[in-house]
Protein backbone atom coordinates (compact mmCIF):
# COMPACT_ATOMS: atom_id res chain seq x y z
CA MET A 1 -43.15 118.61 74.43
CA ALA A 2 -43.93 119.47 78.04
CA ARG A 3 -45.66 116.11 78.49
CA GLY A 4 -42.61 114.31 77.16
CA VAL A 5 -40.37 116.08 79.65
CA MET A 6 -42.73 115.12 82.49
CA TRP A 7 -42.56 111.44 81.50
CA LEU A 8 -38.76 111.42 81.31
CA PRO A 9 -38.21 110.81 85.08
CA LEU A 10 -40.61 107.86 84.97
CA LEU A 11 -38.72 106.41 82.03
CA VAL A 12 -35.42 106.79 83.90
CA ILE A 13 -36.94 105.08 86.99
CA PHE A 14 -38.27 102.25 84.82
CA PHE A 15 -34.85 101.60 83.27
CA GLY A 16 -33.21 101.79 86.71
CA LEU A 17 -35.61 99.18 88.08
CA ALA A 18 -35.15 96.98 85.03
CA TRP A 19 -31.37 97.11 85.44
CA ALA A 20 -31.64 96.30 89.18
CA GLY A 21 -33.84 93.29 88.40
CA TRP A 22 -31.47 92.07 85.68
CA ASN A 23 -28.51 92.48 88.05
CA GLU A 24 -30.21 90.56 90.88
CA TYR A 25 -31.30 87.78 88.51
CA HIS A 26 -27.70 87.24 87.38
CA LYS A 27 -26.49 87.25 91.00
CA LEU A 28 -29.00 84.49 91.79
CA GLU A 29 -27.95 82.44 88.78
CA ALA A 30 -24.28 82.71 89.78
CA TYR A 31 -25.27 81.72 93.34
CA LYS A 32 -27.10 78.60 92.11
CA VAL A 33 -23.95 77.38 90.36
CA TRP A 34 -21.80 78.20 93.42
CA ALA A 35 -24.22 76.61 95.93
CA ALA A 36 -24.37 73.27 94.10
CA GLN A 37 -21.09 72.19 95.73
CA PHE A 38 -22.44 72.52 99.30
CA GLU A 39 -24.66 70.39 101.53
CA ARG A 40 -26.46 73.49 102.79
CA ALA A 41 -26.37 77.06 101.48
CA LYS A 42 -28.05 80.46 101.87
CA TYR A 43 -28.25 83.59 99.75
CA ASP A 44 -29.03 87.12 100.74
CA ILE A 45 -27.84 90.55 99.73
CA TYR A 46 -25.21 90.77 102.50
CA ALA A 47 -23.51 87.41 101.99
CA VAL A 48 -23.75 83.91 100.58
CA LEU A 49 -22.95 81.02 102.89
CA GLY A 50 -22.24 77.38 102.15
CA GLN A 51 -21.56 74.43 104.46
CA GLN A 52 -19.71 71.31 103.34
CA GLY A 53 -18.77 68.98 106.18
CA SER A 54 -17.14 71.07 108.90
CA LEU A 55 -16.18 73.87 106.49
CA LEU A 56 -18.16 77.09 106.12
CA THR A 57 -17.51 79.24 103.06
CA TRP A 58 -18.99 82.71 102.65
CA GLY A 59 -18.55 85.70 100.40
CA LEU A 60 -20.28 88.52 98.57
CA PRO A 61 -22.61 87.73 95.66
CA THR A 62 -21.95 89.42 92.32
CA ARG A 63 -23.12 88.83 88.75
CA ASN A 64 -19.79 87.16 87.98
CA GLY A 65 -19.78 84.83 90.98
CA MET A 66 -18.83 85.10 94.61
CA VAL A 67 -16.03 87.46 95.67
CA ASP A 68 -14.18 88.05 98.92
CA THR A 69 -14.78 84.44 99.93
CA ALA A 70 -13.50 83.13 103.23
CA VAL A 71 -13.40 79.62 104.68
CA LEU A 72 -13.79 78.63 108.30
CA ASP A 73 -13.26 75.16 109.75
CA LEU A 74 -15.80 74.62 112.53
CA VAL A 75 -13.27 72.44 114.36
CA ASN A 76 -11.43 75.67 115.25
CA VAL A 77 -14.52 77.41 116.70
CA GLU A 78 -14.48 78.02 120.43
CA LYS A 79 -17.81 79.88 120.67
CA LEU A 80 -20.77 80.58 118.38
CA SER A 81 -23.19 83.46 118.92
CA ILE A 82 -25.90 85.44 117.21
CA GLU A 83 -25.06 89.12 117.08
CA VAL A 84 -27.21 92.15 116.41
CA ASP A 85 -25.29 95.34 115.68
CA ASN A 86 -22.09 93.56 116.86
CA ASN A 87 -23.57 92.65 120.28
CA SER A 88 -24.35 89.06 121.33
CA VAL A 89 -28.05 88.40 121.90
CA ASP A 90 -30.19 85.53 123.15
CA PRO A 91 -31.22 83.40 120.13
CA ASP A 92 -34.68 82.89 121.63
CA HIS A 93 -35.35 86.63 121.99
CA LEU A 94 -34.11 88.29 118.82
CA PRO A 95 -34.95 91.94 118.19
CA GLU A 96 -36.99 92.68 115.11
CA LYS A 97 -34.49 95.13 113.62
CA GLY A 98 -30.75 95.47 113.41
CA ARG A 99 -27.79 94.02 111.51
CA PHE A 100 -27.83 90.31 112.27
CA SER A 101 -24.77 88.08 112.03
CA LEU A 102 -23.34 84.80 113.21
CA GLY A 103 -20.29 85.45 115.34
CA PHE A 104 -17.50 82.88 115.61
CA THR A 105 -14.78 83.10 118.25
CA LEU A 106 -11.87 80.94 117.17
CA LYS A 107 -9.48 79.04 119.43
CA GLY A 108 -6.71 81.53 118.65
CA GLY A 109 -8.90 84.38 119.94
CA THR A 110 -9.71 85.84 116.52
CA ARG A 111 -13.29 86.55 115.50
CA GLU A 112 -15.21 86.02 112.29
CA SER A 113 -18.67 87.28 111.46
CA ILE A 114 -21.14 86.29 108.73
CA PRO A 115 -23.89 88.86 108.05
CA PHE A 116 -27.58 88.03 107.60
CA THR A 117 -30.48 90.23 106.55
CA ASP A 118 -33.04 88.28 108.58
CA GLY A 119 -32.77 87.28 112.23
CA ASP A 120 -34.90 84.17 111.80
CA ILE A 121 -32.54 82.76 109.15
CA ALA A 122 -29.54 83.57 111.37
CA ARG A 123 -31.25 81.77 114.27
CA ARG A 124 -31.91 78.67 112.15
CA TRP A 125 -28.26 78.53 111.04
CA PHE A 126 -27.20 79.06 114.69
CA GLU A 127 -29.39 76.16 115.84
CA PHE A 128 -28.20 73.91 113.01
CA LEU A 129 -24.51 74.58 113.63
CA SER A 130 -24.90 74.28 117.40
CA LYS A 131 -26.63 70.89 117.18
CA GLU A 132 -24.75 69.42 114.22
CA PHE A 133 -21.26 70.37 115.38
CA SER A 134 -21.83 70.68 119.16
CA LEU A 135 -20.57 74.26 119.17
CA PRO A 136 -20.74 76.03 122.53
CA SER A 137 -22.69 79.27 122.61
């Protein structure tokens, strides 16, 4: 009986990991369906992002699809920047750690931000958007 009680925490951890894997798999499957409508797309745990023409669409991934989606027309962007912990940084000298995001300053003065888990992926999107749409940084 004592051995069974000692194995119980391992069993709970196993089921927790199995549920987390199942959950992430279903998020990825929902993302694949959502991303099919875009020319370019990215998935990470903070946000999904899709680009179709001059429109960027992003939101939060869930098992049932994307939620809290927002759309931004790049025609309305006055300035594009890479931000780490809400501070603009040089795209060529990114820190290794921090909360990365693409920051958009719109012509009306409002700001939008799209989070990224990895600075290198944020830099590649920054370079793509800067070149493709001639966005000032």
